[in-house]
Amino acid sequence: MGSRVSKHLPDALPPRAPQFAQNATRRFFRWLLGVCGWKLVGEIPNVPKVIAIVAPHSSWWDGWWALMFMVAMGFKVSFIAKNELFVGPLGWLLRKLGGLATDRSVANGTIGQLSAEFASRDQFWVALAPEGTRKKVQKWKSGFWHLARATDVPIVMVSLHYPDKTLGFGPLLETSDDLDADMARIRAYYVPFQGKHRGTV
């Protein structure tokens, strides 16, 4: 059983990536991913700061598998969620997993909040879902692009592909000053990938 799991996930993360120590929780999720047949493909970037955009986001299950990979590999990755979710036991769990509460009604609030996190930390990875919803959308939200421009932090494209049961790391993207051109490149990259219920186009 152990060999089956180890070939699906790297034994160690790149040294500059934020991470936590090996523990029983990590070992359990590595085992669970192996049993379920999921594996990692692509190269994890060896950078201390990155904006990871994750797609497709067609179901809660897409987020769940991505979260399992994060824990199994020992990534310290932050994500944003609505203020209302950060109450009681659920709020405690979200914070424990790297969740950051955000008020989406405040203009540029999330970009300002995450820019401050990047400025104040030596290592900071944040995962964002550019589709912004589990429904199929024609236009992606561009907040991640504006965040990258504001912080001079690269973007890494992370994909889920249910037919092969893979979570994939794509290339790092340094943004240009042309939003439309960058978005076209990003959307083209995600065309082959299928979430639980749909792809991205």
N, C-alpha and C. Protein backbone atom coordinates (compact mmCIF):
# COMPACT_ATOMS: atom_id res chain seq x y z
N MET A 1 0.83 -1.21 0.00
CA MET A 1 0.00 0.00 0.00
C MET A 1 0.86 1.25 0.00
N GLY A 2 1.95 1.26 0.78
CA GLY A 2 2.79 2.44 0.87
C GLY A 2 3.44 2.79 -0.46
N SER A 3 3.91 1.75 -1.21
CA SER A 3 4.54 2.04 -2.48
C SER A 3 3.55 2.62 -3.48
N ARG A 4 2.31 2.17 -3.38
CA ARG A 4 1.29 2.70 -4.28
C ARG A 4 1.08 4.19 -4.05
N VAL A 5 1.11 4.60 -2.80
CA VAL A 5 0.90 6.00 -2.48
C VAL A 5 2.11 6.84 -2.88
N SER A 6 3.31 6.38 -2.57
CA SER A 6 4.50 7.20 -2.77
C SER A 6 4.74 7.54 -4.23
N LYS A 7 4.32 6.67 -5.16
CA LYS A 7 4.57 6.98 -6.56
C LYS A 7 3.60 8.02 -7.09
N HIS A 8 2.54 8.31 -6.36
CA HIS A 8 1.56 9.28 -6.81
C HIS A 8 1.87 10.70 -6.35
N LEU A 9 2.66 10.84 -5.31
CA LEU A 9 2.99 12.14 -4.75
C LEU A 9 4.50 12.23 -4.51
N PRO A 10 5.06 13.43 -4.62
CA PRO A 10 6.50 13.57 -4.34
C PRO A 10 6.80 13.31 -2.88
N ASP A 11 7.99 12.82 -2.61
CA ASP A 11 8.39 12.56 -1.23
C ASP A 11 8.61 13.85 -0.45
N ALA A 12 8.98 14.92 -1.16
CA ALA A 12 9.24 16.20 -0.49
C ALA A 12 8.87 17.34 -1.42
N LEU A 13 8.53 18.46 -0.84
CA LEU A 13 8.23 19.66 -1.61
C LEU A 13 9.51 20.42 -1.92
N PRO A 14 9.50 21.28 -2.93
CA PRO A 14 10.66 22.15 -3.16
C PRO A 14 10.97 22.96 -1.91
N PRO A 15 12.23 23.19 -1.60
CA PRO A 15 12.60 23.79 -0.31
C PRO A 15 12.07 25.19 -0.07
N ARG A 16 11.82 25.96 -1.14
CA ARG A 16 11.37 27.34 -0.94
C ARG A 16 9.85 27.46 -0.80
N ALA A 17 9.13 26.39 -1.06
CA ALA A 17 7.67 26.41 -0.93
C ALA A 17 7.28 26.35 0.54
N PRO A 18 6.27 27.11 0.97
CA PRO A 18 5.84 27.05 2.37
C PRO A 18 5.23 25.69 2.68
N GLN A 19 5.62 25.11 3.80
CA GLN A 19 5.19 23.74 4.10
C GLN A 19 5.21 23.49 5.59
N PHE A 20 4.49 22.44 5.99
CA PHE A 20 4.52 22.03 7.38
C PHE A 20 5.08 20.62 7.49
N ALA A 21 5.45 20.24 8.70
CA ALA A 21 6.17 18.99 8.92
C ALA A 21 5.30 17.77 8.67
N GLN A 22 5.96 16.65 8.44
CA GLN A 22 5.27 15.38 8.29
C GLN A 22 4.51 15.05 9.56
N ASN A 23 3.28 14.57 9.41
CA ASN A 23 2.50 14.15 10.58
C ASN A 23 1.49 13.09 10.15
N ALA A 24 0.72 12.61 11.13
CA ALA A 24 -0.23 11.53 10.85
C ALA A 24 -1.30 11.95 9.86
N THR A 25 -1.73 13.21 9.92
CA THR A 25 -2.75 13.69 8.99
C THR A 25 -2.25 13.65 7.56
N ARG A 26 -1.02 14.10 7.35
CA ARG A 26 -0.43 14.04 6.02
C ARG A 26 -0.36 12.61 5.53
N ARG A 27 0.10 11.71 6.35
CA ARG A 27 0.24 10.31 5.94
C ARG A 27 -1.12 9.71 5.59
N PHE A 28 -2.15 10.07 6.36
CA PHE A 28 -3.49 9.54 6.09
C PHE A 28 -3.99 10.00 4.72
N PHE A 29 -3.83 11.29 4.43
CA PHE A 29 -4.34 11.80 3.16
C PHE A 29 -3.51 11.31 1.98
N ARG A 30 -2.23 11.08 2.17
CA ARG A 30 -1.42 10.46 1.11
C ARG A 30 -1.96 9.06 0.81
N TRP A 31 -2.24 8.33 1.87
CA TRP A 31 -2.80 6.99 1.70
C TRP A 31 -4.15 7.05 1.00
N LEU A 32 -5.02 7.97 1.41
CA LEU A 32 -6.36 8.07 0.85
C LEU A 32 -6.32 8.44 -0.63
N LEU A 33 -5.46 9.37 -1.00
CA LEU A 33 -5.35 9.73 -2.42
C LEU A 33 -4.88 8.54 -3.25
N GLY A 34 -3.93 7.78 -2.71
CA GLY A 34 -3.45 6.60 -3.42
C GLY A 34 -4.54 5.56 -3.59
N VAL A 35 -5.29 5.31 -2.54
CA VAL A 35 -6.39 4.34 -2.60
C VAL A 35 -7.43 4.76 -3.63
N CYS A 36 -7.69 6.07 -3.70
CA CYS A 36 -8.70 6.59 -4.64
C CYS A 36 -8.16 6.74 -6.06
N GLY A 37 -6.86 6.52 -6.25
CA GLY A 37 -6.28 6.55 -7.58
C GLY A 37 -5.85 7.91 -8.09
N TRP A 38 -5.80 8.92 -7.21
CA TRP A 38 -5.41 10.26 -7.63
C TRP A 38 -3.90 10.42 -7.58
N LYS A 39 -3.38 11.24 -8.49
CA LYS A 39 -1.93 11.45 -8.54
C LYS A 39 -1.63 12.89 -8.96
N LEU A 40 -0.39 13.28 -8.71
CA LEU A 40 0.08 14.63 -9.05
C LEU A 40 0.89 14.56 -10.33
N VAL A 41 0.70 15.54 -11.21
CA VAL A 41 1.50 15.62 -12.43
C VAL A 41 2.04 17.05 -12.56
N GLY A 42 3.13 17.18 -13.30
CA GLY A 42 3.74 18.49 -13.47
C GLY A 42 4.78 18.76 -12.41
N GLU A 43 5.38 19.93 -12.51
CA GLU A 43 6.47 20.32 -11.60
C GLU A 43 6.01 21.41 -10.64
N ILE A 44 6.16 21.15 -9.35
CA ILE A 44 5.82 22.15 -8.33
C ILE A 44 6.89 23.23 -8.34
N PRO A 45 6.50 24.50 -8.50
CA PRO A 45 7.52 25.56 -8.57
C PRO A 45 8.24 25.77 -7.24
N ASN A 46 9.54 25.98 -7.33
CA ASN A 46 10.35 26.21 -6.14
C ASN A 46 10.45 27.71 -5.90
N VAL A 47 9.34 28.29 -5.47
CA VAL A 47 9.27 29.74 -5.23
C VAL A 47 8.60 29.97 -3.87
N PRO A 48 8.99 31.02 -3.15
CA PRO A 48 8.41 31.27 -1.83
C PRO A 48 7.04 31.94 -1.88
N LYS A 49 6.74 32.61 -3.00
CA LYS A 49 5.46 33.30 -3.12
C LYS A 49 4.86 33.02 -4.49
N VAL A 50 3.56 32.71 -4.50
CA VAL A 50 2.90 32.42 -5.77
C VAL A 50 1.40 32.59 -5.61
N ILE A 51 0.75 32.92 -6.71
CA ILE A 51 -0.71 32.93 -6.78
C ILE A 51 -1.11 31.71 -7.60
N ALA A 52 -1.73 30.72 -6.96
CA ALA A 52 -2.13 29.49 -7.63
C ALA A 52 -3.59 29.62 -8.05
N ILE A 53 -3.84 29.60 -9.35
CA ILE A 53 -5.23 29.61 -9.81
C ILE A 53 -5.63 28.17 -10.12
N VAL A 54 -6.79 27.77 -9.62
CA VAL A 54 -7.22 26.37 -9.68
C VAL A 54 -8.52 26.28 -10.46
N ALA A 55 -8.56 25.42 -11.47
CA ALA A 55 -9.75 25.21 -12.28
C ALA A 55 -9.66 23.81 -12.91
N PRO A 56 -10.79 23.23 -13.32
CA PRO A 56 -12.16 23.71 -13.20
C PRO A 56 -12.66 23.64 -11.75
N HIS A 57 -13.68 24.46 -11.49
CA HIS A 57 -14.32 24.48 -10.18
C HIS A 57 -15.81 24.23 -10.40
N SER A 58 -16.14 22.97 -10.70
CA SER A 58 -17.51 22.62 -11.09
C SER A 58 -18.33 22.02 -9.96
N SER A 59 -17.67 21.72 -8.84
CA SER A 59 -18.34 21.01 -7.75
C SER A 59 -17.55 21.23 -6.46
N TRP A 60 -18.25 21.06 -5.32
CA TRP A 60 -17.53 21.06 -4.05
C TRP A 60 -16.44 19.99 -4.04
N TRP A 61 -16.66 18.91 -4.79
CA TRP A 61 -15.67 17.83 -4.84
C TRP A 61 -14.36 18.30 -5.44
N ASP A 62 -14.42 19.21 -6.41
CA ASP A 62 -13.17 19.73 -6.99
C ASP A 62 -12.32 20.39 -5.90
N GLY A 63 -12.97 21.21 -5.09
CA GLY A 63 -12.25 21.86 -3.99
C GLY A 63 -11.76 20.86 -2.96
N TRP A 64 -12.55 19.84 -2.71
CA TRP A 64 -12.18 18.82 -1.72
C TRP A 64 -10.92 18.07 -2.14
N TRP A 65 -10.86 17.66 -3.41
CA TRP A 65 -9.66 16.95 -3.87
C TRP A 65 -8.44 17.85 -3.82
N ALA A 66 -8.60 19.10 -4.22
CA ALA A 66 -7.47 20.04 -4.15
C ALA A 66 -7.00 20.21 -2.71
N LEU A 67 -7.94 20.29 -1.78
CA LEU A 67 -7.59 20.42 -0.37
C LEU A 67 -6.86 19.18 0.13
N MET A 68 -7.31 18.01 -0.28
CA MET A 68 -6.64 16.78 0.13
C MET A 68 -5.19 16.74 -0.36
N PHE A 69 -4.97 17.15 -1.59
CA PHE A 69 -3.60 17.22 -2.10
C PHE A 69 -2.76 18.18 -1.27
N MET A 70 -3.33 19.33 -0.94
CA MET A 70 -2.61 20.33 -0.16
C MET A 70 -2.14 19.75 1.17
N VAL A 71 -3.04 19.08 1.86
CA VAL A 71 -2.71 18.50 3.17
C VAL A 71 -1.73 17.34 3.01
N ALA A 72 -1.99 16.47 2.03
CA ALA A 72 -1.15 15.28 1.84
C ALA A 72 0.29 15.65 1.53
N MET A 73 0.49 16.72 0.78
CA MET A 73 1.85 17.13 0.41
C MET A 73 2.49 18.04 1.44
N GLY A 74 1.69 18.54 2.39
CA GLY A 74 2.25 19.40 3.42
C GLY A 74 2.36 20.85 3.02
N PHE A 75 1.60 21.26 2.02
CA PHE A 75 1.61 22.65 1.59
C PHE A 75 0.96 23.55 2.62
N LYS A 76 1.57 24.69 2.89
CA LYS A 76 0.91 25.77 3.62
C LYS A 76 0.37 26.73 2.57
N VAL A 77 -0.87 26.51 2.17
CA VAL A 77 -1.49 27.33 1.14
C VAL A 77 -2.72 28.01 1.73
N SER A 78 -2.82 29.30 1.54
CA SER A 78 -3.99 30.04 2.02
C SER A 78 -5.05 30.12 0.94
N PHE A 79 -6.28 30.35 1.37
CA PHE A 79 -7.39 30.53 0.44
C PHE A 79 -8.37 31.50 1.09
N ILE A 80 -9.23 32.10 0.29
CA ILE A 80 -10.19 33.06 0.83
C ILE A 80 -11.58 32.44 0.87
N ALA A 81 -12.35 32.87 1.84
CA ALA A 81 -13.74 32.42 1.97
C ALA A 81 -14.55 33.56 2.59
N LYS A 82 -15.85 33.46 2.43
CA LYS A 82 -16.74 34.51 2.92
C LYS A 82 -16.66 34.64 4.44
N ASN A 83 -16.78 35.88 4.91
CA ASN A 83 -16.76 36.16 6.34
C ASN A 83 -17.72 35.28 7.12
N GLU A 84 -18.91 35.07 6.54
CA GLU A 84 -19.97 34.36 7.26
C GLU A 84 -19.60 32.93 7.63
N LEU A 85 -18.64 32.36 6.92
CA LEU A 85 -18.25 30.97 7.20
C LEU A 85 -17.33 30.84 8.40
N PHE A 86 -16.74 31.95 8.83
CA PHE A 86 -15.73 31.88 9.89
C PHE A 86 -16.36 32.06 11.27
N VAL A 87 -17.25 31.15 11.59
CA VAL A 87 -17.90 31.14 12.90
C VAL A 87 -17.88 29.72 13.45
N GLY A 88 -17.77 29.61 14.76
CA GLY A 88 -17.84 28.32 15.43
C GLY A 88 -16.78 27.34 14.98
N PRO A 89 -17.08 26.05 15.06
CA PRO A 89 -16.11 25.01 14.70
C PRO A 89 -15.66 25.10 13.24
N LEU A 90 -16.59 25.46 12.34
CA LEU A 90 -16.21 25.57 10.93
C LEU A 90 -15.18 26.67 10.74
N GLY A 91 -15.38 27.80 11.41
CA GLY A 91 -14.42 28.89 11.31
C GLY A 91 -13.05 28.48 11.81
N TRP A 92 -13.02 27.75 12.92
CA TRP A 92 -11.74 27.26 13.46
C TRP A 92 -11.05 26.35 12.45
N LEU A 93 -11.82 25.44 11.84
CA LEU A 93 -11.25 24.51 10.88
C LEU A 93 -10.72 25.24 9.64
N LEU A 94 -11.50 26.21 9.15
CA LEU A 94 -11.06 26.95 7.97
C LEU A 94 -9.75 27.68 8.23
N ARG A 95 -9.64 28.31 9.39
CA ARG A 95 -8.40 29.02 9.72
C ARG A 95 -7.24 28.04 9.85
N LYS A 96 -7.51 26.89 10.45
CA LYS A 96 -6.48 25.86 10.62
C LYS A 96 -5.94 25.40 9.26
N LEU A 97 -6.82 25.36 8.27
CA LEU A 97 -6.43 24.90 6.94
C LEU A 97 -5.84 26.00 6.07
N GLY A 98 -5.80 27.23 6.60
CA GLY A 98 -5.22 28.33 5.84
C GLY A 98 -6.21 29.33 5.31
N GLY A 99 -7.48 29.22 5.74
CA GLY A 99 -8.51 30.12 5.26
C GLY A 99 -8.35 31.54 5.77
N LEU A 100 -8.66 32.50 4.91
CA LEU A 100 -8.65 33.91 5.26
C LEU A 100 -10.04 34.48 5.00
N ALA A 101 -10.63 35.08 6.02
CA ALA A 101 -11.97 35.66 5.86
C ALA A 101 -11.87 36.94 5.04
N THR A 102 -12.83 37.13 4.13
CA THR A 102 -12.82 38.33 3.30
C THR A 102 -14.23 38.86 3.13
N ASP A 103 -14.34 40.17 3.06
CA ASP A 103 -15.62 40.83 2.84
C ASP A 103 -15.70 41.21 1.37
N ARG A 104 -16.45 40.45 0.60
CA ARG A 104 -16.49 40.66 -0.84
C ARG A 104 -17.29 41.89 -1.25
N SER A 105 -17.98 42.51 -0.30
CA SER A 105 -18.74 43.71 -0.63
C SER A 105 -17.86 44.96 -0.68
N VAL A 106 -16.64 44.85 -0.17
CA VAL A 106 -15.71 45.98 -0.15
C VAL A 106 -14.91 46.01 -1.45
N ALA A 107 -14.99 47.11 -2.17
CA ALA A 107 -14.28 47.24 -3.44
C ALA A 107 -12.77 47.09 -3.23
N ASN A 108 -12.16 46.19 -4.01
CA ASN A 108 -10.71 45.94 -3.94
C ASN A 108 -10.25 45.46 -2.56
N GLY A 109 -11.21 45.05 -1.73
CA GLY A 109 -10.84 44.62 -0.38
C GLY A 109 -9.98 43.39 -0.37
N THR A 110 -10.33 42.40 -1.20
CA THR A 110 -9.57 41.15 -1.22
C THR A 110 -8.17 41.37 -1.78
N ILE A 111 -8.05 42.15 -2.85
CA ILE A 111 -6.73 42.42 -3.42
C ILE A 111 -5.85 43.15 -2.41
N GLY A 112 -6.43 44.13 -1.73
CA GLY A 112 -5.66 44.85 -0.71
C GLY A 112 -5.25 43.95 0.44
N GLN A 113 -6.17 43.08 0.86
CA GLN A 113 -5.88 42.16 1.96
C GLN A 113 -4.76 41.19 1.59
N LEU A 114 -4.85 40.60 0.41
CA LEU A 114 -3.83 39.63 0.00
C LEU A 114 -2.51 40.31 -0.33
N SER A 115 -2.56 41.52 -0.86
CA SER A 115 -1.31 42.27 -1.11
C SER A 115 -0.56 42.50 0.20
N ALA A 116 -1.31 42.80 1.26
CA ALA A 116 -0.69 43.01 2.57
C ALA A 116 -0.07 41.71 3.09
N GLU A 117 -0.74 40.58 2.84
CA GLU A 117 -0.19 39.29 3.27
C GLU A 117 1.12 39.01 2.54
N PHE A 118 1.15 39.25 1.23
CA PHE A 118 2.39 39.03 0.47
C PHE A 118 3.51 39.93 0.98
N ALA A 119 3.18 41.16 1.31
CA ALA A 119 4.20 42.11 1.75
C ALA A 119 4.76 41.77 3.13
N SER A 120 3.94 41.15 3.97
CA SER A 120 4.34 40.93 5.36
C SER A 120 4.96 39.55 5.61
N ARG A 121 4.95 38.68 4.62
CA ARG A 121 5.45 37.31 4.83
C ARG A 121 6.63 37.03 3.90
N ASP A 122 7.54 36.19 4.40
CA ASP A 122 8.64 35.73 3.57
C ASP A 122 8.19 34.64 2.60
N GLN A 123 7.21 33.86 3.03
CA GLN A 123 6.64 32.82 2.19
C GLN A 123 5.12 32.94 2.24
N PHE A 124 4.49 32.93 1.07
CA PHE A 124 3.02 32.99 1.04
C PHE A 124 2.52 32.48 -0.30
N TRP A 125 1.77 31.39 -0.24
CA TRP A 125 1.07 30.87 -1.41
C TRP A 125 -0.42 31.04 -1.16
N VAL A 126 -1.14 31.52 -2.16
CA VAL A 126 -2.59 31.63 -2.03
C VAL A 126 -3.24 30.97 -3.25
N ALA A 127 -4.30 30.20 -3.01
CA ALA A 127 -5.03 29.52 -4.08
C ALA A 127 -6.35 30.25 -4.33
N LEU A 128 -6.63 30.53 -5.59
CA LEU A 128 -7.84 31.24 -5.97
C LEU A 128 -8.54 30.49 -7.11
N ALA A 129 -9.86 30.55 -7.13
CA ALA A 129 -10.66 29.93 -8.19
C ALA A 129 -11.15 31.03 -9.13
N PRO A 130 -10.52 31.20 -10.29
CA PRO A 130 -10.86 32.34 -11.15
C PRO A 130 -12.26 32.29 -11.75
N GLU A 131 -12.88 31.11 -11.77
CA GLU A 131 -14.25 31.04 -12.27
C GLU A 131 -15.22 31.72 -11.30
N GLY A 132 -14.88 31.70 -10.02
CA GLY A 132 -15.67 32.41 -9.02
C GLY A 132 -16.96 31.74 -8.63
N THR A 133 -17.31 30.63 -9.24
CA THR A 133 -18.56 29.94 -8.97
C THR A 133 -18.47 28.53 -9.52
N ARG A 134 -19.35 27.65 -9.04
CA ARG A 134 -19.37 26.29 -9.57
C ARG A 134 -20.15 26.20 -10.88
N LYS A 135 -20.89 27.25 -11.21
CA LYS A 135 -21.64 27.28 -12.47
C LYS A 135 -20.69 27.57 -13.63
N LYS A 136 -21.10 27.15 -14.82
CA LYS A 136 -20.30 27.44 -16.00
C LYS A 136 -20.39 28.93 -16.31
N VAL A 137 -19.24 29.57 -16.53
CA VAL A 137 -19.21 31.00 -16.82
C VAL A 137 -18.39 31.24 -18.09
N GLN A 138 -18.76 32.29 -18.81
CA GLN A 138 -18.02 32.65 -20.02
C GLN A 138 -16.82 33.53 -19.70
N LYS A 139 -16.96 34.35 -18.66
CA LYS A 139 -15.90 35.30 -18.32
C LYS A 139 -15.37 35.00 -16.93
N TRP A 140 -14.06 34.85 -16.81
CA TRP A 140 -13.44 34.61 -15.51
C TRP A 140 -13.20 35.93 -14.78
N LYS A 141 -13.18 35.84 -13.48
CA LYS A 141 -12.83 37.00 -12.67
C LYS A 141 -11.34 37.30 -12.84
N SER A 142 -11.00 38.56 -12.87
CA SER A 142 -9.61 38.95 -13.14
C SER A 142 -8.86 39.41 -11.89
N GLY A 143 -9.46 39.20 -10.71
CA GLY A 143 -8.80 39.65 -9.48
C GLY A 143 -7.42 39.07 -9.29
N PHE A 144 -7.24 37.80 -9.65
CA PHE A 144 -5.92 37.17 -9.48
C PHE A 144 -4.87 37.87 -10.33
N TRP A 145 -5.26 38.31 -11.52
CA TRP A 145 -4.33 39.01 -12.42
C TRP A 145 -3.93 40.36 -11.82
N HIS A 146 -4.92 41.09 -11.32
CA HIS A 146 -4.64 42.39 -10.71
C HIS A 146 -3.77 42.22 -9.45
N LEU A 147 -4.01 41.13 -8.71
CA LEU A 147 -3.19 40.85 -7.53
C LEU A 147 -1.74 40.59 -7.94
N ALA A 148 -1.56 39.81 -8.99
CA ALA A 148 -0.21 39.52 -9.48
C ALA A 148 0.50 40.79 -9.92
N ARG A 149 -0.22 41.67 -10.59
CA ARG A 149 0.38 42.92 -11.03
C ARG A 149 0.74 43.81 -9.85
N ALA A 150 -0.13 43.83 -8.84
CA ALA A 150 0.10 44.70 -7.68
C ALA A 150 1.27 44.22 -6.83
N THR A 151 1.51 42.92 -6.80
CA THR A 151 2.51 42.35 -5.90
C THR A 151 3.78 41.89 -6.61
N ASP A 152 3.75 41.84 -7.94
CA ASP A 152 4.87 41.31 -8.72
C ASP A 152 5.17 39.87 -8.34
N VAL A 153 4.10 39.11 -8.13
CA VAL A 153 4.19 37.69 -7.77
C VAL A 153 3.72 36.86 -8.97
N PRO A 154 4.41 35.77 -9.30
CA PRO A 154 3.99 34.96 -10.45
C PRO A 154 2.73 34.16 -10.17
N ILE A 155 2.11 33.73 -11.25
CA ILE A 155 0.92 32.88 -11.20
C ILE A 155 1.33 31.47 -11.61
N VAL A 156 0.81 30.46 -10.90
CA VAL A 156 0.97 29.09 -11.36
C VAL A 156 -0.42 28.53 -11.64
N MET A 157 -0.54 27.86 -12.77
CA MET A 157 -1.83 27.32 -13.19
C MET A 157 -1.95 25.87 -12.70
N VAL A 158 -2.97 25.63 -11.89
CA VAL A 158 -3.20 24.31 -11.29
C VAL A 158 -4.52 23.77 -11.83
N SER A 159 -4.50 22.54 -12.29
CA SER A 159 -5.68 21.96 -12.93
C SER A 159 -6.12 20.68 -12.23
N LEU A 160 -7.41 20.41 -12.31
CA LEU A 160 -7.98 19.13 -11.93
C LEU A 160 -8.49 18.45 -13.19
N HIS A 161 -8.25 17.16 -13.32
CA HIS A 161 -8.72 16.43 -14.50
C HIS A 161 -9.28 15.08 -14.05
N TYR A 162 -10.60 15.00 -13.99
CA TYR A 162 -11.25 13.81 -13.46
C TYR A 162 -11.02 12.55 -14.29
N PRO A 163 -11.02 12.61 -15.62
CA PRO A 163 -10.81 11.36 -16.38
C PRO A 163 -9.53 10.62 -16.00
N ASP A 164 -8.47 11.37 -15.70
CA ASP A 164 -7.19 10.75 -15.31
C ASP A 164 -6.94 10.79 -13.80
N LYS A 165 -7.85 11.41 -13.06
CA LYS A 165 -7.69 11.59 -11.61
C LYS A 165 -6.34 12.23 -11.30
N THR A 166 -6.13 13.41 -11.88
CA THR A 166 -4.88 14.11 -11.66
C THR A 166 -5.11 15.54 -11.18
N LEU A 167 -4.19 15.99 -10.33
CA LEU A 167 -4.04 17.40 -10.05
C LEU A 167 -2.72 17.80 -10.67
N GLY A 168 -2.76 18.81 -11.55
CA GLY A 168 -1.57 19.14 -12.30
C GLY A 168 -1.06 20.55 -12.05
N PHE A 169 0.26 20.68 -11.99
CA PHE A 169 0.91 21.98 -11.92
C PHE A 169 1.40 22.34 -13.32
N GLY A 170 0.95 23.49 -13.81
CA GLY A 170 1.40 23.99 -15.09
C GLY A 170 2.55 24.96 -14.92
N PRO A 171 2.86 25.69 -15.98
CA PRO A 171 4.00 26.61 -15.93
C PRO A 171 3.70 27.85 -15.10
N LEU A 172 4.77 28.48 -14.63
CA LEU A 172 4.64 29.79 -13.99
C LEU A 172 4.37 30.84 -15.06
N LEU A 173 3.52 31.79 -14.73
CA LEU A 173 3.17 32.86 -15.66
C LEU A 173 3.51 34.20 -15.04
N GLU A 174 4.39 34.94 -15.70
CA GLU A 174 4.65 36.32 -15.32
C GLU A 174 3.70 37.20 -16.13
N THR A 175 2.89 37.99 -15.47
CA THR A 175 1.89 38.78 -16.18
C THR A 175 2.54 39.88 -17.00
N SER A 176 1.87 40.21 -18.10
CA SER A 176 2.28 41.35 -18.92
C SER A 176 1.38 42.53 -18.55
N ASP A 177 1.44 43.59 -19.34
CA ASP A 177 0.54 44.72 -19.07
C ASP A 177 -0.74 44.63 -19.90
N ASP A 178 -0.96 43.46 -20.52
CA ASP A 178 -2.13 43.24 -21.37
C ASP A 178 -3.02 42.18 -20.74
N LEU A 179 -4.06 42.61 -20.03
CA LEU A 179 -4.96 41.69 -19.34
C LEU A 179 -5.60 40.71 -20.31
N ASP A 180 -6.12 41.20 -21.42
CA ASP A 180 -6.83 40.32 -22.35
C ASP A 180 -5.92 39.24 -22.92
N ALA A 181 -4.70 39.62 -23.26
CA ALA A 181 -3.76 38.64 -23.82
C ALA A 181 -3.39 37.58 -22.78
N ASP A 182 -3.15 38.01 -21.56
CA ASP A 182 -2.81 37.06 -20.50
C ASP A 182 -3.98 36.12 -20.22
N MET A 183 -5.19 36.66 -20.16
CA MET A 183 -6.36 35.82 -19.90
C MET A 183 -6.57 34.82 -21.03
N ALA A 184 -6.33 35.22 -22.26
CA ALA A 184 -6.48 34.30 -23.39
C ALA A 184 -5.49 33.15 -23.27
N ARG A 185 -4.25 33.43 -22.88
CA ARG A 185 -3.25 32.37 -22.69
C ARG A 185 -3.68 31.42 -21.58
N ILE A 186 -4.19 31.98 -20.50
CA ILE A 186 -4.59 31.16 -19.36
C ILE A 186 -5.80 30.30 -19.72
N ARG A 187 -6.80 30.90 -20.36
CA ARG A 187 -7.99 30.13 -20.73
C ARG A 187 -7.63 29.00 -21.70
N ALA A 188 -6.72 29.27 -22.63
CA ALA A 188 -6.31 28.24 -23.58
C ALA A 188 -5.64 27.07 -22.87
N TYR A 189 -4.86 27.36 -21.84
CA TYR A 189 -4.18 26.29 -21.10
C TYR A 189 -5.19 25.33 -20.48
N TYR A 190 -6.31 25.85 -19.99
CA TYR A 190 -7.26 25.02 -19.25
C TYR A 190 -8.26 24.27 -20.13
N VAL A 191 -8.25 24.50 -21.44
CA VAL A 191 -9.24 23.88 -22.32
C VAL A 191 -9.31 22.35 -22.17
N PRO A 192 -8.19 21.62 -22.07
CA PRO A 192 -8.28 20.15 -22.05
C PRO A 192 -8.84 19.56 -20.75
N PHE A 193 -8.92 20.33 -19.68
CA PHE A 193 -9.17 19.74 -18.37
C PHE A 193 -10.65 19.70 -18.02
N GLN A 194 -11.03 18.61 -17.34
CA GLN A 194 -12.43 18.38 -16.97
C GLN A 194 -12.56 18.21 -15.47
N GLY A 195 -13.44 19.03 -14.85
CA GLY A 195 -13.77 18.85 -13.45
C GLY A 195 -14.80 17.74 -13.29
N LYS A 196 -15.40 17.66 -12.14
CA LYS A 196 -16.37 16.59 -11.89
C LYS A 196 -17.56 16.68 -12.84
N HIS A 197 -18.03 17.90 -13.10
CA HIS A 197 -19.24 18.06 -13.90
C HIS A 197 -19.02 18.73 -15.26
N ARG A 198 -17.89 19.39 -15.45
CA ARG A 198 -17.69 20.13 -16.70
C ARG A 198 -16.23 20.56 -16.82
N GLY A 199 -15.92 21.14 -17.99
CA GLY A 199 -14.64 21.78 -18.19
C GLY A 199 -14.76 23.28 -17.95
N THR A 200 -13.87 24.05 -18.55
CA THR A 200 -13.87 25.50 -18.31
C THR A 200 -14.43 26.29 -19.48
N VAL A 201 -14.77 25.62 -20.59
CA VAL A 201 -15.30 26.35 -21.75
C VAL A 201 -16.61 25.71 -22.20
